[in-house]
Amino acid sequence: MREFHVCGLGNAIVDIFLEVNDEEFAKLGFQRGTMQLVDNQVQRSLLERFHDNSHDLRLVSGGSVANSIIGLSQLGGNAAFIGCVGDDRYGLHYTEEFEQLGIDIGNPVLVGETTGTCIAIITPDAERTMRTCLAVSSQLSARHVDASRIARSEWLFIEGYVFANPETGQTAIRDAIKIAKANGTRVALTCSDAFIPEVFGEAFREALSDSDLLFCNAPEAQAVSKANSSNEAFEQIRRLVPNSVVTDGPGGAFVSFDGVTTHVPAYKCHPKDLTGAGDMFAGAFLYGITHGYAPQAAARGANYLCMKVITQIGARLHHGTRTFWDEIIATQD
């Protein structure tokens, strides 16, 4: 029995939720529902604009794989995370929140650097428009990879977005996989976005060839496999990696794990915010397979928690995660 069920490797981002009215949003001149990368200066000026007594800036520690690790931890799993934050107020918030969650993040603070942030501007129609500044998270490199925590984990879970930094992130991924392989730690990989296998295909496929499990949604699966449908993509991906999960929104999830191949339907709902669904699925599924649940049960539990995430605002659940899991698992007997 290892100390950690999963060790995540990914971008450490603080999500900053900002609710505005339509008039305030119109003055920003942003295209509604888009995500755009910005630099430190642009992000700082946007924050200063709303740092007043009439707007509540709500901070939530995140990042794609970080959200998965948090979900696993909320279910009762033991987790570690490798990422970088700065020594500013957002970095302090990030480290404190992870400590409260009981997730081992080592020493992620880089002195004199700015923590990555994502400002999520929420309008009355529940649409989310995001401005992301990667800042120091993009500096994650081989020197930040903690061999000890990977060796003490059953699984290493790698975030696809890290491939987008060829000089730093890709070296971190290669080193982390090498350490995992040397210590018998299984490797899980997530695409994060279809543009990752499309733009950084060579590095992504190199990592995929050393992976034990791939998580992707339908568009990502088609980008990896060049297939024309979710079904076809799933069949092709099954030949590329020993275990795989392809999520397809309301179409449910295609699962191939430890010799079991199945399709698990989604739970019907009226979504409010689709952000974080894939992150929660991965975290919950990893929790399931590291705690003795059959792949079908793990996927059903993961789908149910996805439904709970997308029927609220925000990329993760703050209450009731374990209760929801127990509810749905109890109905599967």
C-alpha atoms as a PDB file:
ATOM      1  CA  MET A   1       0.000   0.000   0.000  1.00  0.00           C
ATOM      2  CA  ARG A   2       1.559   3.297  -1.108  1.00  0.00           C
ATOM      3  CA  GLU A   3       1.237   6.607   0.733  1.00  0.00           C
ATOM      4  CA  PHE A   4      -0.606   8.365  -2.116  1.00  0.00           C
ATOM      5  CA  HIS A   5      -3.257   6.976  -4.413  1.00  0.00           C
ATOM      6  CA  VAL A   6      -2.498   9.649  -7.039  1.00  0.00           C
ATOM      7  CA  CYS A   7       0.142  12.338  -7.571  1.00  0.00           C
ATOM      8  CA  GLY A   8      -0.941  15.029 -10.036  1.00  0.00           C
ATOM      9  CA  LEU A   9       1.371  17.079 -12.258  1.00  0.00           C
ATOM     10  CA  GLY A  10      -0.155  20.249 -13.685  1.00  0.00           C
ATOM     11  CA  ASN A  11      -0.675  23.995 -13.815  1.00  0.00           C
ATOM     12  CA  ALA A  12      -1.474  25.574 -10.442  1.00  0.00           C
ATOM     13  CA  ILE A  13      -4.103  28.226 -11.157  1.00  0.00           C
ATOM     14  CA  VAL A  14      -6.236  30.286  -8.770  1.00  0.00           C
ATOM     15  CA  ASP A  15      -9.739  30.743 -10.177  1.00  0.00           C
ATOM     16  CA  ILE A  16     -11.166  34.171  -9.382  1.00  0.00           C
ATOM     17  CA  PHE A  17     -14.946  34.316  -9.778  1.00  0.00           C
ATOM     18  CA  LEU A  18     -16.385  37.706 -10.618  1.00  0.00           C
ATOM     19  CA  GLU A  19     -20.108  38.258 -11.145  1.00  0.00           C
ATOM     20  CA  VAL A  20     -21.021  41.329 -13.217  1.00  0.00           C
ATOM     21  CA  ASN A  21     -24.189  42.738 -14.749  1.00  0.00           C
ATOM     22  CA  ASP A  22     -24.694  43.048 -18.503  1.00  0.00           C
ATOM     23  CA  GLU A  23     -23.835  46.748 -18.517  1.00  0.00           C
ATOM     24  CA  GLU A  24     -20.499  46.179 -16.763  1.00  0.00           C
ATOM     25  CA  PHE A  25     -19.693  43.299 -19.108  1.00  0.00           C
ATOM     26  CA  ALA A  26     -20.481  45.381 -22.198  1.00  0.00           C
ATOM     27  CA  LYS A  27     -17.936  47.993 -21.073  1.00  0.00           C
ATOM     28  CA  LEU A  28     -15.191  45.332 -21.034  1.00  0.00           C
ATOM     29  CA  GLY A  29     -15.603  44.705 -24.761  1.00  0.00           C
ATOM     30  CA  PHE A  30     -14.991  40.947 -24.363  1.00  0.00           C
ATOM     31  CA  GLN A  31     -16.554  38.303 -26.568  1.00  0.00           C
ATOM     32  CA  ARG A  32     -18.965  36.422 -24.326  1.00  0.00           C
ATOM     33  CA  GLY A  33     -18.087  32.825 -23.464  1.00  0.00           C
ATOM     34  CA  THR A  34     -14.481  32.935 -24.660  1.00  0.00           C
ATOM     35  CA  MET A  35     -11.216  31.994 -22.919  1.00  0.00           C
ATOM     36  CA  GLN A  36      -8.149  34.072 -23.692  1.00  0.00           C
ATOM     37  CA  LEU A  37      -4.585  33.927 -22.409  1.00  0.00           C
ATOM     38  CA  VAL A  38      -3.280  37.279 -21.167  1.00  0.00           C
ATOM     39  CA  ASP A  39      -0.062  38.555 -19.604  1.00  0.00           C
ATOM     40  CA  ASN A  40       0.507  39.703 -16.014  1.00  0.00           C
ATOM     41  CA  GLN A  41      -0.059  43.391 -16.730  1.00  0.00           C
ATOM     42  CA  VAL A  42      -3.409  42.890 -18.468  1.00  0.00           C
ATOM     43  CA  GLN A  43      -4.598  40.549 -15.712  1.00  0.00           C
ATOM     44  CA  ARG A  44      -3.520  42.965 -12.977  1.00  0.00           C
ATOM     45  CA  SER A  45      -5.377  45.893 -14.546  1.00  0.00           C
ATOM     46  CA  LEU A  46      -8.535  43.788 -14.897  1.00  0.00           C
ATOM     47  CA  LEU A  47      -8.387  42.798 -11.222  1.00  0.00           C
ATOM     48  CA  GLU A  48      -7.755  46.380 -10.123  1.00  0.00           C
ATOM     49  CA  ARG A  49     -10.799  47.498 -12.091  1.00  0.00           C
ATOM     50  CA  PHE A  50     -13.091  45.365  -9.938  1.00  0.00           C
ATOM     51  CA  HIS A  51     -11.250  45.615  -6.624  1.00  0.00           C
ATOM     52  CA  ASP A  52     -13.944  47.725  -4.994  1.00  0.00           C
ATOM     53  CA  ASN A  53     -16.608  47.323  -2.361  1.00  0.00           C
ATOM     54  CA  SER A  54     -19.350  46.411  -4.833  1.00  0.00           C
ATOM     55  CA  HIS A  55     -17.782  43.253  -6.293  1.00  0.00           C
ATOM     56  CA  ASP A  56     -17.003  40.037  -4.440  1.00  0.00           C
ATOM     57  CA  LEU A  57     -13.890  38.354  -5.857  1.00  0.00           C
ATOM     58  CA  ARG A  58     -14.193  34.702  -4.801  1.00  0.00           C
ATOM     59  CA  LEU A  59     -10.951  32.696  -4.879  1.00  0.00           C
ATOM     60  CA  VAL A  60     -10.850  28.938  -5.553  1.00  0.00           C
ATOM     61  CA  SER A  61      -7.601  27.021  -6.035  1.00  0.00           C
ATOM     62  CA  GLY A  62      -7.658  25.067  -9.264  1.00  0.00           C
ATOM     63  CA  GLY A  63      -6.093  24.039 -12.527  1.00  0.00           C
ATOM     64  CA  SER A  64      -7.317  21.013 -14.501  1.00  0.00           C
ATOM     65  CA  VAL A  65      -5.451  18.135 -12.828  1.00  0.00           C
ATOM     66  CA  ALA A  66      -5.478  20.016  -9.522  1.00  0.00           C
ATOM     67  CA  ASN A  67      -9.301  19.931  -9.660  1.00  0.00           C
ATOM     68  CA  SER A  68      -9.166  16.169 -10.269  1.00  0.00           C
ATOM     69  CA  ILE A  69      -6.811  15.697  -7.326  1.00  0.00           C
ATOM     70  CA  ILE A  70      -9.133  17.761  -5.117  1.00  0.00           C
ATOM     71  CA  GLY A  71     -12.122  15.627  -6.174  1.00  0.00           C
ATOM     72  CA  LEU A  72     -10.230  12.442  -5.322  1.00  0.00           C
ATOM     73  CA  SER A  73      -9.220  13.906  -1.970  1.00  0.00           C
ATOM     74  CA  GLN A  74     -12.814  14.937  -1.155  1.00  0.00           C
ATOM     75  CA  LEU A  75     -13.881  11.342  -1.727  1.00  0.00           C
ATOM     76  CA  GLY A  76     -11.317  10.158   0.815  1.00  0.00           C
ATOM     77  CA  GLY A  77      -8.269   9.421  -1.353  1.00  0.00           C
ATOM     78  CA  ASN A  78      -4.716  10.361  -0.387  1.00  0.00           C
ATOM     79  CA  ALA A  79      -3.225  12.741  -2.941  1.00  0.00           C
ATOM     80  CA  ALA A  80      -0.140  14.746  -3.834  1.00  0.00           C
ATOM     81  CA  PHE A  81       0.305  17.495  -6.426  1.00  0.00           C
ATOM     82  CA  ILE A  82       3.291  18.966  -8.283  1.00  0.00           C
ATOM     83  CA  GLY A  83       2.943  22.532  -9.597  1.00  0.00           C
ATOM     84  CA  CYS A  84       4.335  26.051  -9.139  1.00  0.00           C
ATOM     85  CA  VAL A  85       2.914  29.177  -7.482  1.00  0.00           C
ATOM     86  CA  GLY A  86       4.403  32.584  -6.664  1.00  0.00           C
ATOM     87  CA  ASP A  87       4.946  34.183  -3.259  1.00  0.00           C
ATOM     88  CA  ASP A  88       2.016  36.581  -3.687  1.00  0.00           C
ATOM     89  CA  ARG A  89      -1.415  36.537  -2.003  1.00  0.00           C
ATOM     90  CA  TYR A  90      -2.777  34.081  -4.567  1.00  0.00           C
ATOM     91  CA  GLY A  91       0.108  31.654  -4.045  1.00  0.00           C
ATOM     92  CA  LEU A  92      -0.423  31.848  -0.290  1.00  0.00           C
ATOM     93  CA  HIS A  93      -4.145  31.147  -0.795  1.00  0.00           C
ATOM     94  CA  TYR A  94      -3.317  28.152  -3.011  1.00  0.00           C
ATOM     95  CA  THR A  95      -0.900  26.527  -0.555  1.00  0.00           C
ATOM     96  CA  GLU A  96      -3.190  27.157   2.429  1.00  0.00           C
ATOM     97  CA  GLU A  97      -6.225  25.677   0.664  1.00  0.00           C
ATOM     98  CA  PHE A  98      -4.344  22.547  -0.367  1.00  0.00           C
ATOM     99  CA  GLU A  99      -3.056  22.119   3.178  1.00  0.00           C
ATOM    100  CA  GLN A 100      -6.651  22.364   4.468  1.00  0.00           C
ATOM    101  CA  LEU A 101      -7.686  19.741   1.915  1.00  0.00           C
ATOM    102  CA  GLY A 102      -4.892  17.448   3.129  1.00  0.00           C
ATOM    103  CA  ILE A 103      -3.134  17.327  -0.251  1.00  0.00           C
ATOM    104  CA  ASP A 104       0.679  17.153  -0.179  1.00  0.00           C
ATOM    105  CA  ILE A 105       2.025  19.859  -2.515  1.00  0.00           C
ATOM    106  CA  GLY A 106       5.589  19.977  -1.180  1.00  0.00           C
ATOM    107  CA  ASN A 107       7.253  23.380  -1.634  1.00  0.00           C
ATOM    108  CA  PRO A 108       5.589  24.920  -4.704  1.00  0.00           C
ATOM    109  CA  VAL A 109       6.385  28.602  -3.989  1.00  0.00           C
ATOM    110  CA  LEU A 110       8.859  30.353  -6.312  1.00  0.00           C
ATOM    111  CA  VAL A 111      10.086  33.574  -4.683  1.00  0.00           C
ATOM    112  CA  GLY A 112       9.489  36.808  -6.571  1.00  0.00           C
ATOM    113  CA  GLU A 113       7.070  35.205  -9.050  1.00  0.00           C
ATOM    114  CA  THR A 114       3.389  35.751  -9.839  1.00  0.00           C
ATOM    115  CA  THR A 115       0.837  32.981  -9.324  1.00  0.00           C
ATOM    116  CA  GLY A 116      -1.246  31.862 -12.303  1.00  0.00           C
ATOM    117  CA  THR A 117      -4.831  33.115 -12.226  1.00  0.00           C
ATOM    118  CA  CYS A 118      -8.020  32.626 -14.207  1.00  0.00           C
ATOM    119  CA  ILE A 119     -10.614  35.372 -13.896  1.00  0.00           C
ATOM    120  CA  ALA A 120     -14.017  33.822 -14.576  1.00  0.00           C
ATOM    121  CA  ILE A 121     -16.453  36.626 -15.391  1.00  0.00           C
ATOM    122  CA  ILE A 122     -19.995  35.358 -14.846  1.00  0.00           C
ATOM    123  CA  THR A 123     -22.884  37.228 -16.459  1.00  0.00           C
ATOM    124  CA  PRO A 124     -26.600  36.973 -15.539  1.00  0.00           C
ATOM    125  CA  ASP A 125     -27.160  34.370 -18.303  1.00  0.00           C
ATOM    126  CA  ALA A 126     -24.735  32.008 -16.407  1.00  0.00           C
ATOM    127  CA  GLU A 127     -22.222  32.333 -19.252  1.00  0.00           C
ATOM    128  CA  ARG A 128     -18.579  32.328 -18.213  1.00  0.00           C
ATOM    129  CA  THR A 129     -15.956  34.463 -19.972  1.00  0.00           C
ATOM    130  CA  MET A 130     -12.394  33.699 -18.893  1.00  0.00           C
ATOM    131  CA  ARG A 131      -9.090  35.536 -18.924  1.00  0.00           C
ATOM    132  CA  THR A 132      -6.185  33.277 -17.913  1.00  0.00           C
ATOM    133  CA  CYS A 133      -2.674  34.331 -16.962  1.00  0.00           C
ATOM    134  CA  LEU A 134      -0.439  31.263 -16.592  1.00  0.00           C
ATOM    135  CA  ALA A 135       2.349  33.321 -14.966  1.00  0.00           C
ATOM    136  CA  VAL A 136       4.691  31.111 -12.917  1.00  0.00           C
ATOM    137  CA  SER A 137       2.682  27.912 -13.549  1.00  0.00           C
ATOM    138  CA  SER A 138       4.178  27.883 -17.058  1.00  0.00           C
ATOM    139  CA  GLN A 139       7.654  27.568 -15.502  1.00  0.00           C
ATOM    140  CA  LEU A 140       6.948  24.057 -14.194  1.00  0.00           C
ATOM    141  CA  SER A 141      10.000  22.090 -15.333  1.00  0.00           C
ATOM    142  CA  ALA A 142      12.073  18.988 -14.596  1.00  0.00           C
ATOM    143  CA  ARG A 143      13.719  20.611 -11.559  1.00  0.00           C
ATOM    144  CA  HIS A 144      10.333  20.902  -9.830  1.00  0.00           C
ATOM    145  CA  VAL A 145       9.482  17.203 -10.282  1.00  0.00           C
ATOM    146  CA  ASP A 146       9.593  15.486  -6.887  1.00  0.00           C
ATOM    147  CA  ALA A 147      10.771  11.916  -7.446  1.00  0.00           C
ATOM    148  CA  SER A 148       9.918  10.877  -3.904  1.00  0.00           C
ATOM    149  CA  ARG A 149       6.215  11.756  -4.130  1.00  0.00           C
ATOM    150  CA  ILE A 150       5.850  10.046  -7.514  1.00  0.00           C
ATOM    151  CA  ALA A 151       7.560   6.911  -6.163  1.00  0.00           C
ATOM    152  CA  ARG A 152       5.195   6.895  -3.175  1.00  0.00           C
ATOM    153  CA  SER A 153       2.097   7.063  -5.425  1.00  0.00           C
ATOM    154  CA  GLU A 154       0.052   4.333  -7.085  1.00  0.00           C
ATOM    155  CA  TRP A 155      -0.659   6.643 -10.051  1.00  0.00           C
ATOM    156  CA  LEU A 156       0.944   9.702 -11.648  1.00  0.00           C
ATOM    157  CA  PHE A 157      -1.699  11.881 -13.372  1.00  0.00           C
ATOM    158  CA  ILE A 158      -0.367  14.282 -16.028  1.00  0.00           C
ATOM    159  CA  GLU A 159      -2.179  17.378 -17.325  1.00  0.00           C
ATOM    160  CA  GLY A 160      -2.203  17.842 -21.088  1.00  0.00           C
ATOM    161  CA  TYR A 161      -1.910  21.639 -20.850  1.00  0.00           C
ATOM    162  CA  VAL A 162       1.665  21.190 -19.557  1.00  0.00           C
ATOM    163  CA  PHE A 163       2.703  20.025 -23.060  1.00  0.00           C
ATOM    164  CA  ALA A 164       2.061  23.611 -24.244  1.00  0.00           C
ATOM    165  CA  ASN A 165       5.422  24.669 -22.729  1.00  0.00           C
ATOM    166  CA  PRO A 166       7.986  22.742 -24.824  1.00  0.00           C
ATOM    167  CA  GLU A 167      11.088  24.105 -23.063  1.00  0.00           C
ATOM    168  CA  THR A 168       9.868  23.490 -19.514  1.00  0.00           C
ATOM    169  CA  GLY A 169       6.650  21.501 -19.243  1.00  0.00           C
ATOM    170  CA  GLN A 170       7.584  18.763 -21.691  1.00  0.00           C
ATOM    171  CA  THR A 171      10.856  18.130 -19.843  1.00  0.00           C
ATOM    172  CA  ALA A 172       8.894  17.907 -16.572  1.00  0.00           C
ATOM    173  CA  ILE A 173       6.557  15.322 -18.149  1.00  0.00           C
ATOM    174  CA  ARG A 174       9.407  13.222 -19.547  1.00  0.00           C
ATOM    175  CA  ASP A 175      11.234  13.187 -16.201  1.00  0.00           C
ATOM    176  CA  ALA A 176       8.070  12.417 -14.240  1.00  0.00           C
ATOM    177  CA  ILE A 177       7.208   9.464 -16.517  1.00  0.00           C
ATOM    178  CA  LYS A 178      10.779   8.153 -16.267  1.00  0.00           C
ATOM    179  CA  ILE A 179      10.560   8.274 -12.454  1.00  0.00           C
ATOM    180  CA  ALA A 180       7.136   6.604 -12.501  1.00  0.00           C
ATOM    181  CA  LYS A 181       8.358   3.787 -14.734  1.00  0.00           C
ATOM    182  CA  ALA A 182      11.405   3.187 -12.538  1.00  0.00           C
ATOM    183  CA  ASN A 183       9.216   2.871  -9.447  1.00  0.00           C
ATOM    184  CA  GLY A 184       6.260   0.891 -10.753  1.00  0.00           C
ATOM    185  CA  THR A 185       3.909   3.895 -10.561  1.00  0.00           C
ATOM    186  CA  ARG A 186       1.178   3.697 -13.204  1.00  0.00           C
ATOM    187  CA  VAL A 187       0.775   6.709 -15.526  1.00  0.00           C
ATOM    188  CA  ALA A 188      -2.532   8.393 -16.391  1.00  0.00           C
ATOM    189  CA  LEU A 189      -2.690  11.182 -18.963  1.00  0.00           C
ATOM    190  CA  THR A 190      -5.410  13.697 -19.842  1.00  0.00           C
ATOM    191  CA  CYS A 191      -5.594  15.587 -23.144  1.00  0.00           C
ATOM    192  CA  SER A 192      -6.987  18.767 -21.477  1.00  0.00           C
ATOM    193  CA  ASP A 193      -7.946  20.203 -24.884  1.00  0.00           C
ATOM    194  CA  ALA A 194      -8.066  19.004 -28.495  1.00  0.00           C
ATOM    195  CA  PHE A 195      -5.354  21.497 -29.488  1.00  0.00           C
ATOM    196  CA  ILE A 196      -2.797  19.659 -27.307  1.00  0.00           C
ATOM    197  CA  PRO A 197      -2.580  16.473 -29.415  1.00  0.00           C
ATOM    198  CA  GLU A 198      -3.060  18.583 -32.552  1.00  0.00           C
ATOM    199  CA  VAL A 199      -0.271  21.113 -31.907  1.00  0.00           C
ATOM    200  CA  PHE A 200       2.077  19.139 -29.641  1.00  0.00           C
ATOM    201  CA  GLY A 201       1.347  15.743 -31.164  1.00  0.00           C
ATOM    202  CA  GLU A 202       4.874  14.310 -31.169  1.00  0.00           C
ATOM    203  CA  ALA A 203       5.513  14.968 -27.461  1.00  0.00           C
ATOM    204  CA  PHE A 204       1.962  13.919 -26.572  1.00  0.00           C
ATOM    205  CA  ARG A 205       2.229  10.606 -28.410  1.00  0.00           C
ATOM    206  CA  GLU A 206       5.614   9.918 -26.841  1.00  0.00           C
ATOM    207  CA  ALA A 207       4.016  10.294 -23.394  1.00  0.00           C
ATOM    208  CA  LEU A 208       0.955   8.305 -24.484  1.00  0.00           C
ATOM    209  CA  SER A 209       3.157   5.355 -25.481  1.00  0.00           C
ATOM    210  CA  ASP A 210       4.375   5.209 -21.859  1.00  0.00           C
ATOM    211  CA  SER A 211       0.930   5.719 -20.304  1.00  0.00           C
ATOM    212  CA  ASP A 212      -1.368   3.160 -18.707  1.00  0.00           C
ATOM    213  CA  LEU A 213      -4.575   5.221 -18.924  1.00  0.00           C
ATOM    214  CA  LEU A 214      -5.837   8.077 -21.122  1.00  0.00           C
ATOM    215  CA  PHE A 215      -8.736  10.406 -20.261  1.00  0.00           C
ATOM    216  CA  CYS A 216     -10.248  12.490 -23.060  1.00  0.00           C
ATOM    217  CA  ASN A 217     -13.588  13.872 -24.203  1.00  0.00           C
ATOM    218  CA  ALA A 218     -15.058  13.149 -27.627  1.00  0.00           C
ATOM    219  CA  PRO A 219     -13.416  16.051 -29.558  1.00  0.00           C
ATOM    220  CA  GLU A 220     -10.053  15.275 -27.917  1.00  0.00           C
ATOM    221  CA  ALA A 221     -10.426  11.577 -28.732  1.00  0.00           C
ATOM    222  CA  GLN A 222     -11.039  12.440 -32.379  1.00  0.00           C
ATOM    223  CA  ALA A 223      -7.969  14.714 -32.379  1.00  0.00           C
ATOM    224  CA  VAL A 224      -5.818  11.860 -31.017  1.00  0.00           C
ATOM    225  CA  SER A 225      -7.221   9.146 -33.293  1.00  0.00           C
ATOM    226  CA  LYS A 226      -8.206  11.191 -36.393  1.00  0.00           C
ATOM    227  CA  ALA A 227     -11.535   9.330 -36.244  1.00  0.00           C
ATOM    228  CA  ASN A 228     -14.882  10.812 -37.308  1.00  0.00           C
ATOM    229  CA  SER A 229     -17.059   9.698 -34.386  1.00  0.00           C
ATOM    230  CA  SER A 230     -16.836   9.054 -30.640  1.00  0.00           C
ATOM    231  CA  ASN A 231     -17.346   5.298 -31.108  1.00  0.00           C
ATOM    232  CA  GLU A 232     -14.671   5.027 -33.760  1.00  0.00           C
ATOM    233  CA  ALA A 233     -12.268   7.200 -31.739  1.00  0.00           C
ATOM    234  CA  PHE A 234     -12.762   5.016 -28.670  1.00  0.00           C
ATOM    235  CA  GLU A 235     -12.034   1.851 -30.657  1.00  0.00           C
ATOM    236  CA  GLN A 236      -8.836   3.327 -32.096  1.00  0.00           C
ATOM    237  CA  ILE A 237      -7.645   4.724 -28.743  1.00  0.00           C
ATOM    238  CA  ARG A 238      -8.119   1.281 -27.170  1.00  0.00           C
ATOM    239  CA  ARG A 239      -5.360   0.099 -29.501  1.00  0.00           C
ATOM    240  CA  LEU A 240      -3.036   2.969 -28.542  1.00  0.00           C
ATOM    241  CA  VAL A 241      -3.085   2.705 -24.743  1.00  0.00           C
ATOM    242  CA  PRO A 242      -3.834  -0.195 -22.324  1.00  0.00           C
ATOM    243  CA  ASN A 243      -6.738   1.593 -20.595  1.00  0.00           C
ATOM    244  CA  SER A 244      -8.885   4.521 -21.731  1.00  0.00           C
ATOM    245  CA  VAL A 245     -11.934   6.630 -20.939  1.00  0.00           C
ATOM    246  CA  VAL A 246     -13.718   8.771 -23.543  1.00  0.00           C
ATOM    247  CA  THR A 247     -16.382  11.055 -22.090  1.00  0.00           C
ATOM    248  CA  ASP A 248     -19.106  12.313 -24.428  1.00  0.00           C
ATOM    249  CA  GLY A 249     -21.178  14.773 -22.383  1.00  0.00           C
ATOM    250  CA  PRO A 250     -24.851  13.724 -22.475  1.00  0.00           C
ATOM    251  CA  GLY A 251     -23.697  10.657 -24.450  1.00  0.00           C
ATOM    252  CA  GLY A 252     -22.104   9.194 -21.329  1.00  0.00           C
ATOM    253  CA  ALA A 253     -18.657   7.589 -21.082  1.00  0.00           C
ATOM    254  CA  PHE A 254     -16.883   4.825 -22.998  1.00  0.00           C
ATOM    255  CA  VAL A 255     -14.614   2.889 -20.628  1.00  0.00           C
ATOM    256  CA  SER A 256     -11.923   0.281 -21.235  1.00  0.00           C
ATOM    257  CA  PHE A 257     -10.106  -0.681 -18.043  1.00  0.00           C
ATOM    258  CA  ASP A 258      -8.400  -3.871 -16.831  1.00  0.00           C
ATOM    259  CA  GLY A 259     -10.042  -5.939 -19.550  1.00  0.00           C
ATOM    260  CA  VAL A 260     -13.536  -4.493 -19.006  1.00  0.00           C
ATOM    261  CA  THR A 261     -15.046  -2.537 -21.919  1.00  0.00           C
ATOM    262  CA  THR A 262     -18.328  -0.776 -21.292  1.00  0.00           C
ATOM    263  CA  HIS A 263     -20.470   2.284 -21.957  1.00  0.00           C
ATOM    264  CA  VAL A 264     -21.911   4.143 -18.970  1.00  0.00           C
ATOM    265  CA  PRO A 265     -24.828   6.543 -19.621  1.00  0.00           C
ATOM    266  CA  ALA A 266     -24.810  10.132 -18.365  1.00  0.00           C
ATOM    267  CA  TYR A 267     -27.297  11.437 -15.797  1.00  0.00           C
ATOM    268  CA  LYS A 268     -29.859  13.829 -17.252  1.00  0.00           C
ATOM    269  CA  CYS A 269     -29.762  17.374 -15.937  1.00  0.00           C
ATOM    270  CA  HIS A 270     -30.042  21.062 -16.852  1.00  0.00           C
ATOM    271  CA  PRO A 271     -26.430  22.326 -16.919  1.00  0.00           C
ATOM    272  CA  LYS A 272     -25.532  25.748 -15.501  1.00  0.00           C
ATOM    273  CA  ASP A 273     -21.763  25.664 -16.060  1.00  0.00           C
ATOM    274  CA  LEU A 274     -19.912  22.880 -17.927  1.00  0.00           C
ATOM    275  CA  THR A 275     -16.510  23.863 -16.545  1.00  0.00           C
ATOM    276  CA  GLY A 276     -14.809  21.159 -14.515  1.00  0.00           C
ATOM    277  CA  ALA A 277     -16.900  18.183 -15.641  1.00  0.00           C
ATOM    278  CA  GLY A 278     -13.963  16.290 -17.147  1.00  0.00           C
ATOM    279  CA  ASP A 279     -11.740  17.151 -14.185  1.00  0.00           C
ATOM    280  CA  MET A 280     -14.261  15.725 -11.736  1.00  0.00           C
ATOM    281  CA  PHE A 281     -14.778  12.600 -13.852  1.00  0.00           C
ATOM    282  CA  ALA A 282     -11.046  11.835 -13.874  1.00  0.00           C
ATOM    283  CA  GLY A 283     -10.625  12.440 -10.138  1.00  0.00           C
ATOM    284  CA  ALA A 284     -13.647  10.324  -9.217  1.00  0.00           C
ATOM    285  CA  PHE A 285     -12.724   7.509 -11.619  1.00  0.00           C
ATOM    286  CA  LEU A 286      -9.165   7.406 -10.260  1.00  0.00           C
ATOM    287  CA  TYR A 287     -10.605   7.297  -6.746  1.00  0.00           C
ATOM    288  CA  GLY A 288     -12.828   4.372  -7.749  1.00  0.00           C
ATOM    289  CA  ILE A 289     -10.127   2.233  -9.357  1.00  0.00           C
ATOM    290  CA  THR A 290      -7.713   2.821  -6.454  1.00  0.00           C
ATOM    291  CA  HIS A 291     -10.360   1.796  -3.897  1.00  0.00           C
ATOM    292  CA  GLY A 292     -11.529  -1.531  -5.243  1.00  0.00           C
ATOM    293  CA  TYR A 293     -14.542  -0.423  -7.288  1.00  0.00           C
ATOM    294  CA  ALA A 294     -15.211  -2.131 -10.614  1.00  0.00           C
ATOM    295  CA  PRO A 295     -14.593   0.102 -13.665  1.00  0.00           C
ATOM    296  CA  GLN A 296     -18.346   0.318 -14.386  1.00  0.00           C
ATOM    297  CA  ALA A 297     -19.086   1.438 -10.822  1.00  0.00           C
ATOM    298  CA  ALA A 298     -16.214   3.940 -10.849  1.00  0.00           C
ATOM    299  CA  ALA A 299     -17.515   5.425 -14.116  1.00  0.00           C
ATOM    300  CA  ARG A 300     -21.114   5.625 -12.863  1.00  0.00           C
ATOM    301  CA  GLY A 301     -19.977   7.380  -9.697  1.00  0.00           C
ATOM    302  CA  ALA A 302     -17.828   9.731 -11.787  1.00  0.00           C
ATOM    303  CA  ASN A 303     -20.732  10.519 -14.133  1.00  0.00           C
ATOM    304  CA  TYR A 304     -23.010  11.284 -11.188  1.00  0.00           C
ATOM    305  CA  LEU A 305     -20.486  13.703  -9.663  1.00  0.00           C
ATOM    306  CA  CYS A 306     -20.059  15.348 -13.104  1.00  0.00           C
ATOM    307  CA  MET A 307     -23.803  15.970 -13.139  1.00  0.00           C
ATOM    308  CA  LYS A 308     -23.573  17.579  -9.694  1.00  0.00           C
ATOM    309  CA  VAL A 309     -20.691  19.822 -10.869  1.00  0.00           C
ATOM    310  CA  ILE A 310     -22.355  21.113 -14.037  1.00  0.00           C
ATOM    311  CA  THR A 311     -25.642  21.949 -12.302  1.00  0.00           C
ATOM    312  CA  GLN A 312     -23.856  24.600 -10.189  1.00  0.00           C
ATOM    313  CA  ILE A 313     -21.476  27.487 -10.876  1.00  0.00           C
ATOM    314  CA  GLY A 314     -17.802  26.561 -10.437  1.00  0.00           C
ATOM    315  CA  ALA A 315     -15.418  23.817 -11.489  1.00  0.00           C
ATOM    316  CA  ARG A 316     -15.632  21.712  -8.328  1.00  0.00           C
ATOM    317  CA  LEU A 317     -17.939  20.715  -5.517  1.00  0.00           C
ATOM    318  CA  HIS A 318     -17.401  22.314  -2.115  1.00  0.00           C
ATOM    319  CA  HIS A 319     -19.811  20.158  -0.123  1.00  0.00           C
ATOM    320  CA  GLY A 320     -21.330  16.705  -0.267  1.00  0.00           C
ATOM    321  CA  THR A 321     -18.898  15.003  -2.657  1.00  0.00           C
ATOM    322  CA  ARG A 322     -18.589  11.811  -0.618  1.00  0.00           C
ATOM    323  CA  THR A 323     -22.324  11.750   0.175  1.00  0.00           C
ATOM    324  CA  PHE A 324     -23.196  11.980  -3.532  1.00  0.00           C
ATOM    325  CA  TRP A 325     -20.750   9.146  -4.312  1.00  0.00           C
ATOM    326  CA  ASP A 326     -22.235   6.898  -1.604  1.00  0.00           C
ATOM    327  CA  GLU A 327     -25.769   7.690  -2.852  1.00  0.00           C
ATOM    328  CA  ILE A 328     -25.133   6.553  -6.393  1.00  0.00           C
ATOM    329  CA  ILE A 329     -22.931   3.568  -5.471  1.00  0.00           C
ATOM    330  CA  ALA A 330     -25.718   2.316  -3.177  1.00  0.00           C
ATOM    331  CA  THR A 331     -28.159   2.267  -6.123  1.00  0.00           C
ATOM    332  CA  GLN A 332     -25.833   0.078  -8.211  1.00  0.00           C
ATOM    333  CA  ASP A 333     -26.023  -3.050  -6.044  1.00  0.00           C
END
